[in-house]
């Protein structure tokens, strides 16, 4: 199942609206790169653990 990470769920004041979806490791890698480049975070095990906890299963569209 694909995973989704929505930047709006990360605590902060930037009000970023980026959403990333795909395989778990791809989403984690892209989210880490985004957190570092767009929000100034340091790539660390703690950041990756926080991002991994934020991953949700993608809800397939109905219809």
PDB file of N, CA and C in Angstrom:
ATOM      1  N   UNK A   1       0.844  -1.186   0.000  1.00  0.00           N
ATOM      2  CA  UNK A   1       0.000   0.000   0.000  1.00  0.00           C
ATOM      3  C   UNK A   1       0.888   1.248   0.000  1.00  0.00           C
ATOM      4  N   UNK A   2       0.492   2.210  -0.810  1.00  0.00           N
ATOM      5  CA  UNK A   2       1.230   3.468  -0.861  1.00  0.00           C
ATOM      6  C   UNK A   2       1.050   4.240   0.435  1.00  0.00           C
ATOM      7  N   UNK A   3       2.054   5.058   0.742  1.00  0.00           N
ATOM      8  CA  UNK A   3       2.030   5.899   1.938  1.00  0.00           C
ATOM      9  C   UNK A   3       1.940   7.360   1.527  1.00  0.00           C
ATOM     10  N   UNK A   4       1.418   8.169   2.426  1.00  0.00           N
ATOM     11  CA  UNK A   4       1.258   9.608   2.206  1.00  0.00           C
ATOM     12  C   UNK A   4       1.831  10.350   3.398  1.00  0.00           C
ATOM     13  N   UNK A   5       2.523  11.440   3.132  1.00  0.00           N
ATOM     14  CA  UNK A   5       2.980  12.338   4.182  1.00  0.00           C
ATOM     15  C   UNK A   5       2.571  13.749   3.780  1.00  0.00           C
ATOM     16  N   UNK A   6       1.835  14.411   4.660  1.00  0.00           N
ATOM     17  CA  UNK A   6       1.327  15.758   4.404  1.00  0.00           C
ATOM     18  C   UNK A   6       2.100  16.730   5.290  1.00  0.00           C
ATOM     19  N   UNK A   7       2.801  17.660   4.687  1.00  0.00           N
ATOM     20  CA  UNK A   7       3.625  18.611   5.431  1.00  0.00           C
ATOM     21  C   UNK A   7       2.787  19.446   6.402  1.00  0.00           C
ATOM     22  N   UNK A   8       1.516  19.601   6.130  1.00  0.00           N
ATOM     23  CA  UNK A   8       0.646  20.369   7.034  1.00  0.00           C
ATOM     24  C   UNK A   8       0.521  19.709   8.394  1.00  0.00           C
ATOM     25  N   UNK A   9       0.826  18.400   8.478  1.00  0.00           N
ATOM     26  CA  UNK A   9       0.731  17.684   9.744  1.00  0.00           C
ATOM     27  C   UNK A   9       1.957  17.879  10.620  1.00  0.00           C
ATOM     28  N   UNK A  10       3.047  18.428  10.058  1.00  0.00           N
ATOM     29  CA  UNK A  10       4.267  18.641  10.828  1.00  0.00           C
ATOM     30  C   UNK A  10       4.117  19.922  11.631  1.00  0.00           C
ATOM     31  N   UNK A  11       4.387  19.870  12.930  1.00  0.00           N
ATOM     32  CA  UNK A  11       4.231  21.082  13.737  1.00  0.00           C
ATOM     33  C   UNK A  11       5.192  22.182  13.287  1.00  0.00           C
ATOM     34  N   UNK A  12       4.669  23.348  13.098  1.00  0.00           N
ATOM     35  CA  UNK A  12       5.501  24.468  12.682  1.00  0.00           C
ATOM     36  C   UNK A  12       4.651  25.626  12.214  1.00  0.00           C
ATOM     37  N   UNK A  13       5.326  26.675  11.808  1.00  0.00           N
ATOM     38  CA  UNK A  13       4.617  27.888  11.431  1.00  0.00           C
ATOM     39  C   UNK A  13       4.739  28.220   9.956  1.00  0.00           C
ATOM     40  N   UNK A  14       5.265  27.303   9.146  1.00  0.00           N
ATOM     41  CA  UNK A  14       5.486  27.632   7.739  1.00  0.00           C
ATOM     42  C   UNK A  14       4.241  27.468   6.886  1.00  0.00           C
ATOM     43  N   UNK A  15       3.255  26.708   7.350  1.00  0.00           N
ATOM     44  CA  UNK A  15       2.005  26.484   6.614  1.00  0.00           C
ATOM     45  C   UNK A  15       2.266  25.900   5.224  1.00  0.00           C
ATOM     46  N   UNK A  16       3.225  25.006   5.139  1.00  0.00           N
ATOM     47  CA  UNK A  16       3.558  24.343   3.885  1.00  0.00           C
ATOM     48  C   UNK A  16       2.433  23.370   3.534  1.00  0.00           C
ATOM     49  N   UNK A  17       2.080  23.292   2.268  1.00  0.00           N
ATOM     50  CA  UNK A  17       0.966  22.449   1.834  1.00  0.00           C
ATOM     51  C   UNK A  17       1.404  21.253   1.000  1.00  0.00           C
ATOM     52  N   UNK A  18       2.694  20.945   0.994  1.00  0.00           N
ATOM     53  CA  UNK A  18       3.186  19.833   0.189  1.00  0.00           C
ATOM     54  C   UNK A  18       2.692  18.499   0.732  1.00  0.00           C
ATOM     55  N   UNK A  19       2.240  17.628  -0.171  1.00  0.00           N
ATOM     56  CA  UNK A  19       1.875  16.257   0.159  1.00  0.00           C
ATOM     57  C   UNK A  19       2.671  15.340  -0.749  1.00  0.00           C
ATOM     58  N   UNK A  20       3.242  14.289  -0.165  1.00  0.00           N
ATOM     59  CA  UNK A  20       4.076  13.344  -0.903  1.00  0.00           C
ATOM     60  C   UNK A  20       3.440  11.963  -0.771  1.00  0.00           C
ATOM     61  N   UNK A  21       3.329  11.231  -1.883  1.00  0.00           N
ATOM     62  CA  UNK A  21       2.745   9.889  -1.851  1.00  0.00           C
ATOM     63  C   UNK A  21       3.609   8.933  -2.660  1.00  0.00           C
ATOM     64  N   UNK A  22       3.672   7.691  -2.213  1.00  0.00           N
ATOM     65  CA  UNK A  22       4.412   6.662  -2.934  1.00  0.00           C
ATOM     66  C   UNK A  22       4.783   5.528  -2.003  1.00  0.00           C
ATOM     67  N   UNK A  23       5.758   4.727  -2.414  1.00  0.00           N
ATOM     68  CA  UNK A  23       6.258   3.659  -1.547  1.00  0.00           C
ATOM     69  C   UNK A  23       6.883   4.281  -0.312  1.00  0.00           C
ATOM     70  N   UNK A  24       6.811   3.577   0.805  1.00  0.00           N
ATOM     71  CA  UNK A  24       7.238   4.126   2.092  1.00  0.00           C
ATOM     72  C   UNK A  24       8.642   4.719   2.063  1.00  0.00           C
ATOM     73  N   UNK A  25       9.613   3.988   1.551  1.00  0.00           N
ATOM     74  CA  UNK A  25      10.990   4.484   1.555  1.00  0.00           C
ATOM     75  C   UNK A  25      11.161   5.677   0.612  1.00  0.00           C
ATOM     76  N   UNK A  26      10.435   5.689  -0.510  1.00  0.00           N
ATOM     77  CA  UNK A  26      10.502   6.829  -1.428  1.00  0.00           C
ATOM     78  C   UNK A  26       9.930   8.085  -0.782  1.00  0.00           C
ATOM     79  N   UNK A  27       8.818   7.926  -0.081  1.00  0.00           N
ATOM     80  CA  UNK A  27       8.192   9.069   0.593  1.00  0.00           C
ATOM     81  C   UNK A  27       9.094   9.579   1.707  1.00  0.00           C
ATOM     82  N   UNK A  28       9.663   8.675   2.475  1.00  0.00           N
ATOM     83  CA  UNK A  28      10.549   9.083   3.560  1.00  0.00           C
ATOM     84  C   UNK A  28      11.767   9.831   3.016  1.00  0.00           C
ATOM     85  N   UNK A  29      12.349   9.339   1.941  1.00  0.00           N
ATOM     86  CA  UNK A  29      13.514   9.998   1.343  1.00  0.00           C
ATOM     87  C   UNK A  29      13.139  11.395   0.828  1.00  0.00           C
ATOM     88  N   UNK A  30      12.031  11.496   0.104  1.00  0.00           N
ATOM     89  CA  UNK A  30      11.605  12.789  -0.444  1.00  0.00           C
ATOM     90  C   UNK A  30      11.221  13.763   0.669  1.00  0.00           C
ATOM     91  N   UNK A  31      10.554  13.260   1.701  1.00  0.00           N
ATOM     92  CA  UNK A  31      10.139  14.127   2.808  1.00  0.00           C
ATOM     93  C   UNK A  31      11.353  14.642   3.576  1.00  0.00           C
ATOM     94  N   UNK A  32      12.356  13.797   3.739  1.00  0.00           N
ATOM     95  CA  UNK A  32      13.577  14.223   4.418  1.00  0.00           C
ATOM     96  C   UNK A  32      14.274  15.310   3.608  1.00  0.00           C
ATOM     97  N   UNK A  33      14.406  15.095   2.310  1.00  0.00           N
ATOM     98  CA  UNK A  33      15.032  16.100   1.445  1.00  0.00           C
ATOM     99  C   UNK A  33      14.254  17.412   1.490  1.00  0.00           C
ATOM    100  N   UNK A  34      12.931  17.326   1.486  1.00  0.00           N
ATOM    101  CA  UNK A  34      12.089  18.530   1.545  1.00  0.00           C
ATOM    102  C   UNK A  34      12.272  19.250   2.886  1.00  0.00           C
ATOM    103  N   UNK A  35      12.273  18.494   3.975  1.00  0.00           N
ATOM    104  CA  UNK A  35      12.427  19.104   5.308  1.00  0.00           C
ATOM    105  C   UNK A  35      13.753  19.837   5.428  1.00  0.00           C
ATOM    106  N   UNK A  36      14.793  19.277   4.840  1.00  0.00           N
ATOM    107  CA  UNK A  36      16.118  19.892   4.898  1.00  0.00           C
ATOM    108  C   UNK A  36      16.188  21.117   3.983  1.00  0.00           C
ATOM    109  N   UNK A  37      15.766  20.949   2.725  1.00  0.00           N
ATOM    110  CA  UNK A  37      15.944  22.040   1.755  1.00  0.00           C
ATOM    111  C   UNK A  37      14.933  23.173   1.921  1.00  0.00           C
ATOM    112  N   UNK A  38      13.705  22.844   2.261  1.00  0.00           N
ATOM    113  CA  UNK A  38      12.671  23.881   2.328  1.00  0.00           C
ATOM    114  C   UNK A  38      12.473  24.455   3.731  1.00  0.00           C
ATOM    115  N   UNK A  39      12.786  23.656   4.751  1.00  0.00           N
ATOM    116  CA  UNK A  39      12.475  24.092   6.115  1.00  0.00           C
ATOM    117  C   UNK A  39      13.701  24.210   7.012  1.00  0.00           C
ATOM    118  N   UNK A  40      14.876  23.900   6.483  1.00  0.00           N
ATOM    119  CA  UNK A  40      16.106  24.102   7.238  1.00  0.00           C
ATOM    120  C   UNK A  40      16.385  23.080   8.328  1.00  0.00           C
ATOM    121  N   UNK A  41      15.682  21.948   8.305  1.00  0.00           N
ATOM    122  CA  UNK A  41      15.959  20.905   9.290  1.00  0.00           C
ATOM    123  C   UNK A  41      17.289  20.230   8.968  1.00  0.00           C
ATOM    124  N   UNK A  42      17.841  19.577   9.963  1.00  0.00           N
ATOM    125  CA  UNK A  42      19.071  18.795   9.794  1.00  0.00           C
ATOM    126  C   UNK A  42      18.665  17.340   9.590  1.00  0.00           C
ATOM    127  N   UNK A  43      19.227  16.702   8.558  1.00  0.00           N
ATOM    128  CA  UNK A  43      18.947  15.293   8.311  1.00  0.00           C
ATOM    129  C   UNK A  43      19.543  14.478   9.459  1.00  0.00           C
ATOM    130  N   UNK A  44      18.674  13.878  10.251  1.00  0.00           N
ATOM    131  CA  UNK A  44      19.120  13.110  11.418  1.00  0.00           C
ATOM    132  C   UNK A  44      18.201  11.910  11.593  1.00  0.00           C
ATOM    133  N   UNK A  45      18.637  10.985  12.422  1.00  0.00           N
ATOM    134  CA  UNK A  45      17.794   9.833  12.728  1.00  0.00           C
ATOM    135  C   UNK A  45      16.500  10.273  13.409  1.00  0.00           C
ATOM    136  N   UNK A  46      16.585  11.311  14.237  1.00  0.00           N
ATOM    137  CA  UNK A  46      15.394  11.821  14.925  1.00  0.00           C
ATOM    138  C   UNK A  46      14.384  12.397  13.920  1.00  0.00           C
ATOM    139  N   UNK A  47      14.868  13.177  12.957  1.00  0.00           N
ATOM    140  CA  UNK A  47      13.971  13.735  11.938  1.00  0.00           C
ATOM    141  C   UNK A  47      13.317  12.603  11.152  1.00  0.00           C
ATOM    142  N   UNK A  48      14.098  11.633  10.719  1.00  0.00           N
ATOM    143  CA  UNK A  48      13.544  10.519   9.946  1.00  0.00           C
ATOM    144  C   UNK A  48      12.533   9.720  10.760  1.00  0.00           C
ATOM    145  N   UNK A  49      12.784   9.544  12.048  1.00  0.00           N
ATOM    146  CA  UNK A  49      11.832   8.825  12.902  1.00  0.00           C
ATOM    147  C   UNK A  49      10.524   9.604  13.027  1.00  0.00           C
ATOM    148  N   UNK A  50      10.632  10.910  13.167  1.00  0.00           N
ATOM    149  CA  UNK A  50       9.434  11.751  13.248  1.00  0.00           C
ATOM    150  C   UNK A  50       8.640  11.679  11.956  1.00  0.00           C
ATOM    151  N   UNK A  51       9.330  11.777  10.828  1.00  0.00           N
ATOM    152  CA  UNK A  51       8.654  11.709   9.538  1.00  0.00           C
ATOM    153  C   UNK A  51       8.011  10.337   9.332  1.00  0.00           C
ATOM    154  N   UNK A  52       8.707   9.285   9.728  1.00  0.00           N
ATOM    155  CA  UNK A  52       8.152   7.923   9.570  1.00  0.00           C
ATOM    156  C   UNK A  52       6.852   7.783  10.371  1.00  0.00           C
ATOM    157  N   UNK A  53       6.790   8.387  11.554  1.00  0.00           N
ATOM    158  CA  UNK A  53       5.572   8.327  12.369  1.00  0.00           C
ATOM    159  C   UNK A  53       4.416   9.072  11.713  1.00  0.00           C
ATOM    160  N   UNK A  54       4.732  10.034  10.864  1.00  0.00           N
ATOM    161  CA  UNK A  54       3.702  10.840  10.204  1.00  0.00           C
ATOM    162  C   UNK A  54       3.113  10.149   8.978  1.00  0.00           C
ATOM    163  N   UNK A  55       3.722   9.071   8.509  1.00  0.00           N
ATOM    164  CA  UNK A  55       3.247   8.381   7.318  1.00  0.00           C
ATOM    165  C   UNK A  55       1.866   7.782   7.563  1.00  0.00           C
ATOM    166  N   UNK A  56       1.007   7.911   6.590  1.00  0.00           N
ATOM    167  CA  UNK A  56      -0.345   7.350   6.638  1.00  0.00           C
ATOM    168  C   UNK A  56      -0.559   6.516   5.382  1.00  0.00           C
ATOM    169  N   UNK A  57      -1.444   5.539   5.487  1.00  0.00           N
ATOM    170  CA  UNK A  57      -1.837   4.775   4.298  1.00  0.00           C
ATOM    171  C   UNK A  57      -2.616   5.692   3.362  1.00  0.00           C
ATOM    172  N   UNK A  58      -2.343   5.577   2.084  1.00  0.00           N
ATOM    173  CA  UNK A  58      -3.073   6.363   1.100  1.00  0.00           C
ATOM    174  C   UNK A  58      -4.500   5.813   0.981  1.00  0.00           C
ATOM    175  N   UNK A  59      -5.453   6.684   0.960  1.00  0.00           N
ATOM    176  CA  UNK A  59      -6.843   6.281   0.780  1.00  0.00           C
ATOM    177  C   UNK A  59      -7.137   6.348  -0.706  1.00  0.00           C
ATOM    178  N   UNK A  60      -7.416   5.185  -1.311  1.00  0.00           N
ATOM    179  CA  UNK A  60      -7.694   5.194  -2.745  1.00  0.00           C
ATOM    180  C   UNK A  60      -8.982   5.961  -3.055  1.00  0.00           C
ATOM    181  N   UNK A  61      -9.009   6.635  -4.193  1.00  0.00           N
ATOM    182  CA  UNK A  61     -10.233   7.354  -4.560  1.00  0.00           C
ATOM    183  C   UNK A  61     -11.386   6.373  -4.785  1.00  0.00           C
ATOM    184  N   UNK A  62     -12.561   6.799  -4.428  1.00  0.00           N
ATOM    185  CA  UNK A  62     -13.754   5.955  -4.642  1.00  0.00           C
ATOM    186  C   UNK A  62     -14.426   6.383  -5.928  1.00  0.00           C
ATOM    187  N   UNK A  63     -15.071   5.450  -6.524  1.00  0.00           N
ATOM    188  CA  UNK A  63     -15.823   5.820  -7.708  1.00  0.00           C
ATOM    189  C   UNK A  63     -15.507   5.020  -8.838  1.00  0.00           C
TER     190      UNK A  63
END
